[in-house]
Amino acid sequence: MKITCGCDIIEIDRIKEAILEQKDAFISRIYTKQEIDYCEKKNQNKYQHYAARFAAKEAVFKALSCEIPDKYAIEWKSIELKNDESGRPQVGLDEEKIKTANIANIDISISHCKQYAMAQVVVLWKE
């Protein structure tokens, strides 16, 4: 089996500025409705959560792009971050846009603090 990984780190203020300047245009281009609902419930900390999901999408893209024939088919909203019952993040992929048949598993870790958000992704590919 093949393993690929991706990671990303972003300044939370960059995402906050993009959201405040571009408003719905930025949010609706990057995030799914479920992601928006999740982040908006975080009130004052919502920008940390938006930034963490942005970093997660970048990390997923980096881990997938080396194995996907048309990496430009991967749109921001083709990757969706969800949380399981215990709050652990999970990656959902739009199977029409991203051929997922060769993916055995995707594991992700997200973290954020006052200034930065980061994500690390490991993809296990079937042979």
C-alpha atoms as a PDB file:
ATOM      1  CA  MET A   1       0.000   0.000   0.000  1.00  0.00           C
ATOM      2  CA  LYS A   2       1.063   3.538  -0.664  1.00  0.00           C
ATOM      3  CA  ILE A   3       0.920   6.344   1.904  1.00  0.00           C
ATOM      4  CA  THR A   4       0.850  10.053   1.109  1.00  0.00           C
ATOM      5  CA  CYS A   5       0.670  12.955   3.489  1.00  0.00           C
ATOM      6  CA  GLY A   6      -0.065  16.649   3.450  1.00  0.00           C
ATOM      7  CA  CYS A   7       0.160  19.419   5.995  1.00  0.00           C
ATOM      8  CA  ASP A   8      -0.698  23.085   6.118  1.00  0.00           C
ATOM      9  CA  ILE A   9      -0.477  25.967   8.550  1.00  0.00           C
ATOM     10  CA  ILE A  10      -2.196  29.323   8.245  1.00  0.00           C
ATOM     11  CA  GLU A  11      -2.437  32.530  10.205  1.00  0.00           C
ATOM     12  CA  ILE A  12      -5.939  32.871  11.605  1.00  0.00           C
ATOM     13  CA  ASP A  13      -5.927  36.618  10.891  1.00  0.00           C
ATOM     14  CA  ARG A  14      -5.549  35.937   7.136  1.00  0.00           C
ATOM     15  CA  ILE A  15      -8.777  33.943   7.116  1.00  0.00           C
ATOM     16  CA  LYS A  16     -10.503  36.473   9.354  1.00  0.00           C
ATOM     17  CA  GLU A  17      -9.521  39.326   7.008  1.00  0.00           C
ATOM     18  CA  ALA A  18     -10.708  37.391   3.949  1.00  0.00           C
ATOM     19  CA  ILE A  19     -14.054  36.695   5.604  1.00  0.00           C
ATOM     20  CA  LEU A  20     -14.516  40.298   6.771  1.00  0.00           C
ATOM     21  CA  GLU A  21     -13.467  41.797   3.423  1.00  0.00           C
ATOM     22  CA  GLN A  22     -15.131  39.356   1.031  1.00  0.00           C
ATOM     23  CA  LYS A  23     -17.960  38.216   3.309  1.00  0.00           C
ATOM     24  CA  ASP A  24     -20.193  35.553   1.761  1.00  0.00           C
ATOM     25  CA  ALA A  25     -18.169  35.349  -1.460  1.00  0.00           C
ATOM     26  CA  PHE A  26     -15.191  33.851   0.376  1.00  0.00           C
ATOM     27  CA  ILE A  27     -17.164  31.644   2.752  1.00  0.00           C
ATOM     28  CA  SER A  28     -19.475  30.214   0.098  1.00  0.00           C
ATOM     29  CA  ARG A  29     -16.549  29.445  -2.240  1.00  0.00           C
ATOM     30  CA  ILE A  30     -14.509  27.585   0.388  1.00  0.00           C
ATOM     31  CA  TYR A  31     -16.889  25.998   2.908  1.00  0.00           C
ATOM     32  CA  THR A  32     -19.913  23.709   2.773  1.00  0.00           C
ATOM     33  CA  LYS A  33     -23.115  24.587   4.594  1.00  0.00           C
ATOM     34  CA  GLN A  34     -22.321  22.102   7.369  1.00  0.00           C
ATOM     35  CA  GLU A  35     -18.869  23.621   7.856  1.00  0.00           C
ATOM     36  CA  ILE A  36     -20.307  27.145   7.973  1.00  0.00           C
ATOM     37  CA  ASP A  37     -22.938  26.098  10.519  1.00  0.00           C
ATOM     38  CA  TYR A  38     -20.265  24.442  12.672  1.00  0.00           C
ATOM     39  CA  CYS A  39     -17.909  27.446  12.597  1.00  0.00           C
ATOM     40  CA  GLU A  40     -20.629  30.037  13.179  1.00  0.00           C
ATOM     41  CA  LYS A  41     -21.700  28.221  16.370  1.00  0.00           C
ATOM     42  CA  LYS A  42     -18.242  28.900  17.807  1.00  0.00           C
ATOM     43  CA  ASN A  43     -19.031  32.638  18.208  1.00  0.00           C
ATOM     44  CA  GLN A  44     -15.804  34.522  19.105  1.00  0.00           C
ATOM     45  CA  ASN A  45     -13.648  31.529  18.166  1.00  0.00           C
ATOM     46  CA  LYS A  46     -15.251  31.012  14.760  1.00  0.00           C
ATOM     47  CA  TYR A  47     -12.246  32.362  12.857  1.00  0.00           C
ATOM     48  CA  GLN A  48     -10.002  29.733  14.459  1.00  0.00           C
ATOM     49  CA  HIS A  49     -12.373  27.036  13.243  1.00  0.00           C
ATOM     50  CA  TYR A  50     -12.684  28.512   9.753  1.00  0.00           C
ATOM     51  CA  ALA A  51      -8.877  28.698   9.556  1.00  0.00           C
ATOM     52  CA  ALA A  52      -8.470  25.135  10.808  1.00  0.00           C
ATOM     53  CA  ARG A  53     -10.847  23.861   8.128  1.00  0.00           C
ATOM     54  CA  PHE A  54      -9.042  25.893   5.485  1.00  0.00           C
ATOM     55  CA  ALA A  55      -5.713  24.352   6.541  1.00  0.00           C
ATOM     56  CA  ALA A  56      -7.333  20.917   6.576  1.00  0.00           C
ATOM     57  CA  LYS A  57      -8.614  21.296   3.015  1.00  0.00           C
ATOM     58  CA  GLU A  58      -5.148  22.409   1.879  1.00  0.00           C
ATOM     59  CA  ALA A  59      -3.551  19.434   3.627  1.00  0.00           C
ATOM     60  CA  VAL A  60      -6.034  17.016   2.035  1.00  0.00           C
ATOM     61  CA  PHE A  61      -5.395  18.544  -1.387  1.00  0.00           C
ATOM     62  CA  LYS A  62      -1.639  18.123  -0.931  1.00  0.00           C
ATOM     63  CA  ALA A  63      -2.034  14.484   0.111  1.00  0.00           C
ATOM     64  CA  LEU A  64      -4.386  13.653  -2.779  1.00  0.00           C
ATOM     65  CA  SER A  65      -2.950  15.717  -5.610  1.00  0.00           C
ATOM     66  CA  CYS A  66      -0.033  13.409  -6.348  1.00  0.00           C
ATOM     67  CA  GLU A  67      -2.400  10.491  -7.061  1.00  0.00           C
ATOM     68  CA  ILE A  68      -5.413  12.196  -8.647  1.00  0.00           C
ATOM     69  CA  PRO A  69      -5.105  12.509 -12.447  1.00  0.00           C
ATOM     70  CA  ASP A  70      -6.846  15.883 -12.615  1.00  0.00           C
ATOM     71  CA  LYS A  71      -5.931  17.731  -9.432  1.00  0.00           C
ATOM     72  CA  TYR A  72      -7.723  20.836 -10.732  1.00  0.00           C
ATOM     73  CA  ALA A  73     -11.013  18.936 -10.441  1.00  0.00           C
ATOM     74  CA  ILE A  74     -10.662  19.217  -6.679  1.00  0.00           C
ATOM     75  CA  GLU A  75     -12.677  22.230  -5.601  1.00  0.00           C
ATOM     76  CA  TRP A  76     -12.657  23.635  -2.077  1.00  0.00           C
ATOM     77  CA  LYS A  77     -16.115  22.279  -1.327  1.00  0.00           C
ATOM     78  CA  SER A  78     -15.205  18.851  -2.732  1.00  0.00           C
ATOM     79  CA  ILE A  79     -13.499  18.334   0.628  1.00  0.00           C
ATOM     80  CA  GLU A  80     -15.709  18.561   3.711  1.00  0.00           C
ATOM     81  CA  LEU A  81     -14.594  18.402   7.316  1.00  0.00           C
ATOM     82  CA  LYS A  82     -17.027  16.822   9.737  1.00  0.00           C
ATOM     83  CA  ASN A  83     -16.718  15.759  13.343  1.00  0.00           C
ATOM     84  CA  ASP A  84     -17.673  12.345  14.670  1.00  0.00           C
ATOM     85  CA  GLU A  85     -19.647  11.856  17.893  1.00  0.00           C
ATOM     86  CA  SER A  86     -16.534  12.379  20.014  1.00  0.00           C
ATOM     87  CA  GLY A  87     -15.557  15.574  18.143  1.00  0.00           C
ATOM     88  CA  ARG A  88     -12.717  13.985  16.152  1.00  0.00           C
ATOM     89  CA  PRO A  89     -12.437  15.483  12.643  1.00  0.00           C
ATOM     90  CA  GLN A  90     -13.256  13.318   9.641  1.00  0.00           C
ATOM     91  CA  VAL A  91     -12.704  13.981   5.936  1.00  0.00           C
ATOM     92  CA  GLY A  92     -15.588  13.678   3.512  1.00  0.00           C
ATOM     93  CA  LEU A  93     -14.901  13.748  -0.232  1.00  0.00           C
ATOM     94  CA  ASP A  94     -17.242  14.512  -3.121  1.00  0.00           C
ATOM     95  CA  GLU A  95     -16.996  11.197  -4.939  1.00  0.00           C
ATOM     96  CA  GLU A  96     -18.182  12.686  -8.239  1.00  0.00           C
ATOM     97  CA  LYS A  97     -15.290  15.162  -8.294  1.00  0.00           C
ATOM     98  CA  ILE A  98     -12.623  13.071  -6.576  1.00  0.00           C
ATOM     99  CA  LYS A  99     -12.191   9.447  -7.545  1.00  0.00           C
ATOM    100  CA  THR A 100     -12.069   7.795  -4.128  1.00  0.00           C
ATOM    101  CA  ALA A 101     -11.995   4.141  -5.205  1.00  0.00           C
ATOM    102  CA  ASN A 102      -8.258   3.820  -4.535  1.00  0.00           C
ATOM    103  CA  ILE A 103      -8.392   5.445  -1.098  1.00  0.00           C
ATOM    104  CA  ALA A 104      -8.388   2.963   1.773  1.00  0.00           C
ATOM    105  CA  ASN A 105      -8.359   5.499   4.605  1.00  0.00           C
ATOM    106  CA  ILE A 106      -7.795   9.173   5.379  1.00  0.00           C
ATOM    107  CA  ASP A 107      -6.636  10.249   8.824  1.00  0.00           C
ATOM    108  CA  ILE A 108      -6.526  13.912   9.822  1.00  0.00           C
ATOM    109  CA  SER A 109      -5.396  15.948  12.781  1.00  0.00           C
ATOM    110  CA  ILE A 110      -6.320  19.622  13.208  1.00  0.00           C
ATOM    111  CA  SER A 111      -5.050  22.082  15.777  1.00  0.00           C
ATOM    112  CA  HIS A 112      -5.298  25.799  16.402  1.00  0.00           C
ATOM    113  CA  CYS A 113      -4.200  28.386  18.901  1.00  0.00           C
ATOM    114  CA  LYS A 114      -4.609  32.153  19.113  1.00  0.00           C
ATOM    115  CA  GLN A 115      -2.562  32.955  15.973  1.00  0.00           C
ATOM    116  CA  TYR A 116      -2.294  29.803  13.846  1.00  0.00           C
ATOM    117  CA  ALA A 117      -4.288  26.838  12.624  1.00  0.00           C
ATOM    118  CA  MET A 118      -2.730  23.704  11.191  1.00  0.00           C
ATOM    119  CA  ALA A 119      -3.702  20.337   9.820  1.00  0.00           C
ATOM    120  CA  GLN A 120      -1.914  17.122   8.959  1.00  0.00           C
ATOM    121  CA  VAL A 121      -3.395  14.424   6.712  1.00  0.00           C
ATOM    122  CA  VAL A 122      -2.261  10.869   5.992  1.00  0.00           C
ATOM    123  CA  VAL A 123      -3.875   8.963   3.113  1.00  0.00           C
ATOM    124  CA  LEU A 124      -3.582   5.199   2.808  1.00  0.00           C
ATOM    125  CA  TRP A 125      -4.055   4.064  -0.798  1.00  0.00           C
ATOM    126  CA  LYS A 126      -5.196   0.627  -1.914  1.00  0.00           C
ATOM    127  CA  GLU A 127      -2.876  -1.263  -4.206  1.00  0.00           C
END
